[in-house]
Amino acid sequence: MDKFAEHEGPEVDLSIIITCYFEEQSIDIFYDRLSNTLKSLDRSYEIIFVNDGSTDRTFEKLRRIFDSDQYVTAVIDLFKNTGQANAKTPGIMIAKGKAMVAIDSDLQLDPEELPRLVSEYDKGYDIVTGYRENRHDTLWRKLPSKIANVIMRKASGTNLRDFGCTFKIYDMRLIRGFEIGPFKPWRMVPVIAQAGRIAEVPVSHHPRKFGNSGWTFKKLFAYNLENMVSLSERPFQILGIVCLGIAFVGVLRLITEMFFPIIILPIVTTGLLLNVLVIGFLTIIAVLAAIGEFTIRNFIKVQKVPAFIIKEIYKKK
């Protein structure tokens, strides 16, 4: 077992980084399909698997794949489930590719469609992302995903249709500019925000055949909240503008009532005042919650708590 290190060995064209969570039933099928697709491309490549805390036979199967395929350059086992973005980080740290390919191993996406993304990437794009034309997920997955898409469009300053589609190719220079590591893990939105040219390619999507998705409603909600916080000062700027606008209307009403016969909001009912008070109270609570989330995340960063800890790593030189 090799010591964990960054960017060892000669550079390759593509680094395919796959995170796995309870994929013992799908991983062999996925690997065979991915490997056959990669062999059909006229590119040098490596495959890096990260077991994100699965306690089934996922890592055991990854070890066997590692031993049998020279192009599987690393398999990494994390102590516990950390989430897809955090789990992708150690793979990125040791990747030798000029570009990174990301795709889930749950067979909901087709590895055979990779050449279409590569063909588009060759046109000079910084990022090529798939979007699911006919998504086969439950309403509980689709609803928070739609909300997340709205938030991430604002956060990244782009108009991508489907941020949640994990089938993507990134220019690795863009990723390495963020100095990603255990204390600064991979985050998709900031990287997309720095890309100059992005292309979207329609991809197929299938119902999940094995197991359950690691993306629960709770995790999706937390992810949305994280993206809200990542907007930094912008939500507060927007809130400040809205509040100033409402205050301006109030002041304007007082002025027109004193000097002009025209009155803005001539009738202010008790019901209207109650609604304003309730909306104002909920807005204050939401702002305090966002500030609290921002404060806690900064506190965690100060404490130097790693986003993941590697239990085992097997790596070829």
Protein backbone atom coordinates (compact mmCIF):
# COMPACT_ATOMS: atom_id res chain seq x y z
CA MET A 1 0.00 0.00 0.00
CA ASP A 2 1.54 3.27 -1.11
CA LYS A 3 1.84 6.46 0.86
CA PHE A 4 -0.76 9.05 -0.09
CA ALA A 5 0.82 11.67 -2.36
CA GLU A 6 -0.24 14.13 -5.03
CA HIS A 7 0.16 13.94 -8.84
CA GLU A 8 2.74 11.13 -9.03
CA GLY A 9 3.66 9.61 -12.39
CA PRO A 10 3.19 10.78 -16.01
CA GLU A 11 0.23 12.92 -17.01
CA VAL A 12 -2.73 11.30 -18.79
CA ASP A 13 -5.54 12.78 -20.85
CA LEU A 14 -8.45 11.77 -18.62
CA SER A 15 -8.80 11.05 -14.91
CA ILE A 16 -12.09 9.28 -14.23
CA ILE A 17 -12.96 9.73 -10.56
CA ILE A 18 -15.76 7.54 -9.24
CA THR A 19 -17.24 7.75 -5.74
CA CYS A 20 -19.09 4.67 -4.50
CA TYR A 21 -21.59 4.24 -1.69
CA PHE A 22 -23.09 0.78 -1.18
CA GLU A 23 -22.56 -0.20 -4.83
CA GLU A 24 -21.58 -3.87 -4.43
CA GLN A 25 -24.40 -4.95 -6.77
CA SER A 26 -23.68 -2.43 -9.53
CA ILE A 27 -19.94 -1.76 -9.42
CA ASP A 28 -18.77 -4.73 -11.53
CA ILE A 29 -21.33 -4.03 -14.25
CA PHE A 30 -20.52 -0.32 -14.21
CA TYR A 31 -16.77 -0.93 -14.33
CA ASP A 32 -17.04 -3.31 -17.31
CA ARG A 33 -19.14 -0.81 -19.26
CA LEU A 34 -16.91 2.14 -18.36
CA SER A 35 -13.71 0.25 -19.16
CA ASN A 36 -14.97 -0.87 -22.56
CA THR A 37 -16.01 2.70 -23.38
CA LEU A 38 -12.64 4.14 -22.36
CA LYS A 39 -10.77 1.57 -24.45
CA SER A 40 -12.73 2.74 -27.50
CA LEU A 41 -11.43 6.29 -27.03
CA ASP A 42 -8.06 7.23 -28.45
CA ARG A 43 -6.98 8.74 -25.10
CA SER A 44 -4.69 7.88 -22.23
CA TYR A 45 -6.64 7.57 -19.01
CA GLU A 46 -6.74 6.43 -15.42
CA ILE A 47 -9.61 5.38 -13.17
CA ILE A 48 -9.70 6.29 -9.48
CA PHE A 49 -12.33 4.75 -7.21
CA VAL A 50 -13.25 6.17 -3.79
CA ASN A 51 -15.34 4.08 -1.39
CA ASP A 52 -17.31 6.66 0.59
CA GLY A 53 -17.69 4.71 3.83
CA SER A 54 -19.66 1.76 2.40
CA THR A 55 -19.76 -1.14 4.86
CA ASP A 56 -20.87 -3.77 2.34
CA ARG A 57 -18.52 -5.51 -0.13
CA THR A 58 -17.98 -2.42 -2.30
CA PHE A 59 -14.35 -1.85 -1.29
CA GLU A 60 -13.56 -5.56 -1.55
CA LYS A 61 -14.75 -5.53 -5.16
CA LEU A 62 -12.82 -2.32 -5.86
CA ARG A 63 -9.65 -4.04 -4.62
CA ARG A 64 -10.19 -6.88 -7.07
CA ILE A 65 -10.72 -4.43 -9.92
CA PHE A 66 -7.56 -2.56 -8.88
CA ASP A 67 -5.51 -5.78 -8.95
CA SER A 68 -6.81 -6.80 -12.38
CA ASP A 69 -6.63 -3.52 -14.34
CA GLN A 70 -3.48 -1.45 -14.83
CA TYR A 71 -5.60 1.60 -15.68
CA VAL A 72 -7.27 1.61 -12.27
CA THR A 73 -4.48 3.58 -10.63
CA ALA A 74 -5.99 3.97 -7.15
CA VAL A 75 -8.74 2.78 -4.86
CA ILE A 76 -9.37 4.74 -1.69
CA ASP A 77 -11.40 3.74 1.36
CA LEU A 78 -12.72 6.43 3.70
CA PHE A 79 -13.48 5.82 7.37
CA LYS A 80 -17.07 7.04 7.08
CA ASN A 81 -19.58 8.41 4.62
CA THR A 82 -18.70 12.05 3.95
CA GLY A 83 -20.87 12.89 0.95
CA GLN A 84 -20.12 12.76 -2.75
CA ALA A 85 -18.25 16.08 -3.00
CA ASN A 86 -15.97 15.40 -0.03
CA ALA A 87 -15.32 11.84 -1.21
CA LYS A 88 -14.27 13.07 -4.66
CA THR A 89 -11.55 15.27 -3.09
CA PRO A 90 -8.85 12.62 -2.38
CA GLY A 91 -9.29 11.32 -5.92
CA ILE A 92 -8.75 14.81 -7.31
CA MET A 93 -5.65 15.28 -5.15
CA ILE A 94 -3.83 12.32 -6.74
CA ALA A 95 -5.30 12.58 -10.25
CA LYS A 96 -2.81 12.95 -13.11
CA GLY A 97 -5.29 13.86 -15.83
CA LYS A 98 -5.44 16.96 -17.99
CA ALA A 99 -9.21 16.67 -17.56
CA MET A 100 -11.42 15.10 -14.92
CA VAL A 101 -14.42 12.93 -15.79
CA ALA A 102 -17.12 12.45 -13.15
CA ILE A 103 -19.98 9.96 -13.35
CA ASP A 104 -22.00 7.99 -10.78
CA SER A 105 -21.56 4.22 -10.55
CA ASP A 106 -25.22 3.44 -9.81
CA LEU A 107 -26.06 2.72 -13.50
CA GLN A 108 -28.55 5.57 -13.77
CA LEU A 109 -26.23 7.15 -16.35
CA ASP A 110 -24.71 5.38 -19.37
CA PRO A 111 -20.88 5.30 -19.52
CA GLU A 112 -21.26 4.57 -23.23
CA GLU A 113 -22.28 8.20 -23.77
CA LEU A 114 -18.88 9.49 -22.61
CA PRO A 115 -17.53 9.87 -26.20
CA ARG A 116 -20.25 12.48 -26.87
CA LEU A 117 -19.03 14.57 -23.93
CA VAL A 118 -15.39 14.12 -24.93
CA SER A 119 -16.18 15.19 -28.51
CA GLU A 120 -17.76 18.39 -27.19
CA TYR A 121 -14.89 18.98 -24.75
CA ASP A 122 -12.42 18.79 -27.65
CA LYS A 123 -14.01 21.94 -29.09
CA GLY A 124 -12.26 23.95 -26.39
CA TYR A 125 -14.78 24.09 -23.57
CA ASP A 126 -13.63 24.39 -19.95
CA ILE A 127 -16.49 22.21 -18.71
CA VAL A 128 -18.88 19.88 -20.50
CA THR A 129 -21.88 18.75 -18.48
CA GLY A 130 -24.65 16.31 -19.18
CA TYR A 131 -28.29 17.13 -18.53
CA ARG A 132 -30.95 14.50 -17.97
CA GLU A 133 -33.61 14.88 -20.67
CA ASN A 134 -36.01 12.38 -19.13
CA ARG A 135 -35.18 12.04 -15.46
CA HIS A 136 -36.32 8.87 -13.66
CA ASP A 137 -36.36 9.90 -10.01
CA THR A 138 -39.00 10.32 -7.32
CA LEU A 139 -40.72 13.63 -6.63
CA TRP A 140 -38.78 13.84 -3.35
CA ARG A 141 -35.57 13.85 -5.38
CA LYS A 142 -36.77 16.12 -8.18
CA LEU A 143 -38.28 18.91 -6.02
CA PRO A 144 -35.18 19.81 -3.95
CA SER A 145 -33.11 19.32 -7.10
CA LYS A 146 -35.16 21.97 -8.92
CA ILE A 147 -34.70 24.35 -5.98
CA ALA A 148 -30.97 23.59 -5.97
CA ASN A 149 -30.74 24.37 -9.68
CA VAL A 150 -32.24 27.84 -9.10
CA ILE A 151 -29.85 28.53 -6.22
CA MET A 152 -26.79 27.24 -8.08
CA ARG A 153 -27.60 29.29 -11.17
CA LYS A 154 -27.50 32.39 -8.97
CA ALA A 155 -24.37 31.23 -7.14
CA SER A 156 -22.42 30.34 -10.29
CA GLY A 157 -23.72 33.09 -12.55
CA THR A 158 -24.59 30.52 -15.24
CA ASN A 159 -27.81 29.18 -16.77
CA LEU A 160 -27.07 25.45 -16.68
CA ARG A 161 -30.18 23.28 -16.81
CA ASP A 162 -29.12 20.38 -14.60
CA PHE A 163 -26.40 20.95 -12.00
CA GLY A 164 -27.34 17.67 -10.33
CA CYS A 165 -26.31 15.54 -13.30
CA THR A 166 -22.96 14.07 -12.23
CA PHE A 167 -21.83 13.26 -15.78
CA LYS A 168 -19.27 16.02 -16.38
CA ILE A 169 -15.81 16.75 -17.80
CA TYR A 170 -13.70 19.50 -16.23
CA ASP A 171 -10.43 21.07 -17.30
CA MET A 172 -8.18 20.00 -14.43
CA ARG A 173 -6.32 23.33 -14.46
CA LEU A 174 -9.55 24.96 -13.38
CA ILE A 175 -9.92 22.54 -10.46
CA ARG A 176 -6.30 22.71 -9.29
CA GLY A 177 -6.55 26.47 -9.06
CA PHE A 178 -8.66 25.98 -5.92
CA GLU A 179 -5.88 24.07 -4.08
CA ILE A 180 -8.37 21.39 -3.07
CA GLY A 181 -7.61 19.22 -0.04
CA PRO A 182 -9.12 17.75 3.17
CA PHE A 183 -9.54 21.23 4.65
CA LYS A 184 -10.76 22.75 1.40
CA PRO A 185 -12.78 19.97 -0.27
CA TRP A 186 -14.13 19.85 -3.78
CA ARG A 187 -17.15 22.04 -4.44
CA MET A 188 -18.72 22.10 -7.89
CA VAL A 189 -20.39 25.53 -7.92
CA PRO A 190 -17.28 27.71 -7.34
CA VAL A 191 -15.44 25.79 -10.09
CA ILE A 192 -18.31 26.26 -12.54
CA ALA A 193 -18.43 29.95 -11.62
CA GLN A 194 -14.81 30.34 -12.79
CA ALA A 195 -15.30 28.57 -16.13
CA GLY A 196 -15.29 30.72 -19.24
CA ARG A 197 -16.90 28.27 -21.69
CA ILE A 198 -19.41 25.59 -20.68
CA ALA A 199 -21.30 23.19 -22.94
CA GLU A 200 -24.33 21.00 -22.16
CA VAL A 201 -25.00 17.61 -23.70
CA PRO A 202 -28.24 15.63 -23.28
CA VAL A 203 -27.71 12.24 -21.60
CA SER A 204 -29.93 9.27 -20.84
CA HIS A 205 -31.18 8.60 -17.33
CA HIS A 206 -32.54 5.35 -15.92
CA PRO A 207 -34.35 4.28 -12.74
CA ARG A 208 -32.00 3.07 -10.03
CA LYS A 209 -31.71 -0.73 -10.27
CA PHE A 210 -29.87 -1.54 -7.05
CA GLY A 211 -30.00 -0.16 -3.51
CA ASN A 212 -31.02 3.33 -2.48
CA SER A 213 -29.55 6.69 -3.33
CA GLY A 214 -27.26 8.30 -0.77
CA TRP A 215 -28.99 11.60 -1.54
CA THR A 216 -31.78 11.70 1.04
CA PHE A 217 -34.20 14.62 1.30
CA LYS A 218 -32.29 15.76 4.39
CA LYS A 219 -28.96 15.76 2.55
CA LEU A 220 -30.44 17.58 -0.43
CA PHE A 221 -31.91 20.23 1.89
CA ALA A 222 -28.53 20.65 3.60
CA TYR A 223 -26.84 20.91 0.21
CA ASN A 224 -29.26 23.63 -0.85
CA LEU A 225 -28.59 25.52 2.37
CA GLU A 226 -24.86 25.23 1.79
CA ASN A 227 -25.23 26.71 -1.68
CA MET A 228 -27.32 29.53 -0.23
CA VAL A 229 -24.51 30.29 2.22
CA SER A 230 -21.96 30.09 -0.59
CA LEU A 231 -23.67 33.06 -2.23
CA SER A 232 -21.79 35.06 0.42
CA GLU A 233 -23.01 38.61 0.77
CA ARG A 234 -25.36 38.56 -2.21
CA PRO A 235 -28.51 37.29 -0.45
CA PHE A 236 -28.06 39.95 2.18
CA GLN A 237 -27.57 42.59 -0.49
CA ILE A 238 -30.80 41.48 -2.14
CA LEU A 239 -32.62 41.41 1.21
CA GLY A 240 -31.27 44.87 2.01
CA ILE A 241 -32.55 46.24 -1.31
CA VAL A 242 -35.99 44.72 -0.73
CA CYS A 243 -36.19 46.15 2.80
CA LEU A 244 -35.07 49.57 1.59
CA GLY A 245 -37.69 49.43 -1.16
CA ILE A 246 -40.45 48.63 1.32
CA ALA A 247 -39.23 51.39 3.65
CA PHE A 248 -39.21 53.82 0.73
CA VAL A 249 -42.85 52.97 -0.03
CA GLY A 250 -43.70 53.63 3.64
CA VAL A 251 -41.95 57.00 3.61
CA LEU A 252 -43.55 57.89 0.28
CA ARG A 253 -46.98 57.10 1.73
CA LEU A 254 -46.38 59.49 4.65
CA ILE A 255 -45.22 62.27 2.34
CA THR A 256 -48.12 61.94 -0.11
CA GLU A 257 -50.62 61.84 2.77
CA MET A 258 -49.23 65.12 4.17
CA PHE A 259 -48.97 67.13 0.96
CA PHE A 260 -51.04 65.49 -1.79
CA PRO A 261 -54.59 64.22 -2.20
CA ILE A 262 -53.29 60.94 -3.69
CA ILE A 263 -52.51 58.38 -0.96
CA ILE A 264 -50.54 55.18 -1.48
CA LEU A 265 -52.24 52.26 0.31
CA PRO A 266 -55.21 54.40 1.47
CA ILE A 267 -56.60 51.62 3.69
CA VAL A 268 -54.28 49.76 6.06
CA THR A 269 -56.27 46.95 7.66
CA THR A 270 -55.45 44.92 10.77
CA GLY A 271 -55.12 41.82 8.58
CA LEU A 272 -52.55 43.54 6.36
CA LEU A 273 -50.50 44.62 9.38
CA LEU A 274 -50.63 41.09 10.81
CA ASN A 275 -49.44 39.59 7.53
CA VAL A 276 -46.59 42.10 7.32
CA LEU A 277 -45.55 41.29 10.90
CA VAL A 278 -45.61 37.53 10.27
CA ILE A 279 -43.65 37.84 7.01
CA GLY A 280 -41.15 40.16 8.71
CA PHE A 281 -40.72 37.74 11.63
CA LEU A 282 -40.14 34.74 9.35
CA THR A 283 -37.69 36.75 7.25
CA ILE A 284 -35.70 37.67 10.36
CA ILE A 285 -35.62 34.02 11.46
CA ALA A 286 -34.46 32.92 7.99
CA VAL A 287 -31.71 35.55 7.94
CA LEU A 288 -30.56 34.57 11.44
CA ALA A 289 -30.51 30.90 10.38
CA ALA A 290 -28.38 31.75 7.32
CA ILE A 291 -26.00 33.83 9.45
CA GLY A 292 -25.82 31.00 11.98
CA GLU A 293 -25.02 28.48 9.24
CA PHE A 294 -22.34 30.77 7.84
CA THR A 295 -20.84 31.26 11.33
CA ILE A 296 -20.82 27.53 12.12
CA ARG A 297 -19.13 26.66 8.82
CA ASN A 298 -16.43 29.25 9.44
CA PHE A 299 -15.98 27.95 12.98
CA ILE A 300 -15.48 24.41 11.63
CA LYS A 301 -12.87 25.70 9.17
CA VAL A 302 -11.00 27.44 12.00
CA GLN A 303 -11.03 24.19 14.00
CA LYS A 304 -9.27 22.43 11.07
CA VAL A 305 -11.69 19.49 10.98
CA PRO A 306 -10.90 17.46 7.82
CA ALA A 307 -13.75 16.78 5.41
CA PHE A 308 -12.61 13.14 5.14
CA ILE A 309 -10.03 10.75 6.58
CA ILE A 310 -8.50 7.99 4.47
CA LYS A 311 -8.64 4.52 5.98
CA GLU A 312 -6.82 2.69 3.18
CA ILE A 313 -5.38 3.59 -0.18
CA TYR A 314 -3.94 1.34 -2.87
CA LYS A 315 -2.14 3.24 -5.58
CA LYS A 316 -0.02 2.37 -8.62
CA LYS A 317 2.99 4.50 -9.47
